[in-house]
Amino acid sequence: MADGRKWLGSNITIQSNVDTAVLFISEEFITGRINDTVRKTGRGKHILSLGHGIIVGKPEENVAHFLSLPKE
């Protein structure tokens, strides 16, 4: 993502897909993965999404945590 941002510049919107499997891990891990992605792409002109969406069986509290973080 960092290379893509450098290549495209800051005026282009880019999308990053976080592996949906992170929702099975801890909230701390989810936070770290999102923070790492945002650090690499920058805070502006960035769409953060899950690679395969939300699959049945994910802990609901982890889904809520994932969805709340990009707003911060």
Protein backbone atom coordinates (compact mmCIF):
# COMPACT_ATOMS: atom_id res chain seq x y z
CA MET A 1 0.00 0.00 0.00
CA ALA A 2 2.83 2.38 0.78
CA ASP A 3 4.35 1.85 -2.67
CA GLY A 4 0.96 2.35 -4.31
CA ARG A 5 0.44 5.61 -2.44
CA LYS A 6 3.90 6.85 -3.46
CA TRP A 7 3.30 5.91 -7.08
CA LEU A 8 -0.21 7.40 -7.29
CA GLY A 9 0.37 10.45 -5.10
CA SER A 10 -1.93 12.00 -2.54
CA ASN A 11 -4.60 13.29 -4.95
CA ILE A 12 -5.84 9.84 -5.99
CA THR A 13 -8.26 7.80 -3.87
CA ILE A 14 -7.07 4.26 -3.23
CA GLN A 15 -8.82 1.29 -1.68
CA SER A 16 -7.22 -1.21 0.64
CA ASN A 17 -8.69 -4.55 1.56
CA VAL A 18 -8.01 -5.88 5.03
CA ASP A 19 -8.17 -9.68 5.21
CA THR A 20 -11.53 -10.62 6.68
CA ALA A 21 -9.83 -13.29 8.81
CA VAL A 22 -8.64 -10.53 11.17
CA LEU A 23 -12.18 -10.45 12.55
CA PHE A 24 -11.54 -13.81 14.20
CA ILE A 25 -8.57 -12.42 16.13
CA SER A 26 -8.45 -9.91 19.00
CA GLU A 27 -9.55 -6.28 18.93
CA GLU A 28 -5.90 -5.29 19.51
CA PHE A 29 -4.85 -7.19 16.39
CA ILE A 30 -7.65 -5.58 14.37
CA THR A 31 -6.59 -2.13 15.58
CA GLY A 32 -2.97 -2.83 14.68
CA ARG A 33 -3.85 -4.03 11.18
CA ILE A 34 -6.02 -1.00 10.47
CA ASN A 35 -3.45 1.43 11.90
CA ASP A 36 -0.74 -0.17 9.76
CA THR A 37 -2.89 0.10 6.64
CA VAL A 38 -3.79 3.74 7.32
CA ARG A 39 -0.14 4.55 8.05
CA LYS A 40 0.84 3.16 4.65
CA THR A 41 -1.96 4.82 2.68
CA GLY A 42 -2.36 8.08 4.54
CA ARG A 43 -5.48 9.45 6.18
CA GLY A 44 -6.94 11.16 3.14
CA LYS A 45 -8.36 9.74 -0.08
CA HIS A 46 -8.46 6.20 1.25
CA ILE A 47 -11.27 3.63 1.26
CA LEU A 48 -10.78 0.92 3.87
CA SER A 49 -12.69 -2.31 3.30
CA LEU A 50 -12.73 -6.00 4.10
CA GLY A 51 -11.37 -8.22 1.36
CA HIS A 52 -14.30 -10.65 1.32
CA GLY A 53 -16.89 -8.85 3.41
CA ILE A 54 -18.32 -10.12 6.65
CA ILE A 55 -18.80 -13.88 6.76
CA VAL A 56 -21.28 -15.56 9.12
CA GLY A 57 -19.68 -16.64 12.36
CA LYS A 58 -17.44 -13.63 12.92
CA PRO A 59 -17.60 -12.33 16.50
CA GLU A 60 -20.05 -9.41 16.33
CA GLU A 61 -18.03 -7.33 18.78
CA ASN A 62 -14.99 -7.61 16.49
CA VAL A 63 -17.06 -6.53 13.50
CA ALA A 64 -18.32 -3.51 15.46
CA HIS A 65 -14.76 -2.71 16.52
CA PHE A 66 -13.52 -2.91 12.91
CA LEU A 67 -16.30 -0.59 11.74
CA SER A 68 -15.70 1.96 14.50
CA LEU A 69 -11.95 2.39 13.95
CA PRO A 70 -11.79 4.19 10.57
CA LYS A 71 -14.01 6.94 12.03
CA GLU A 72 -11.33 7.85 14.57
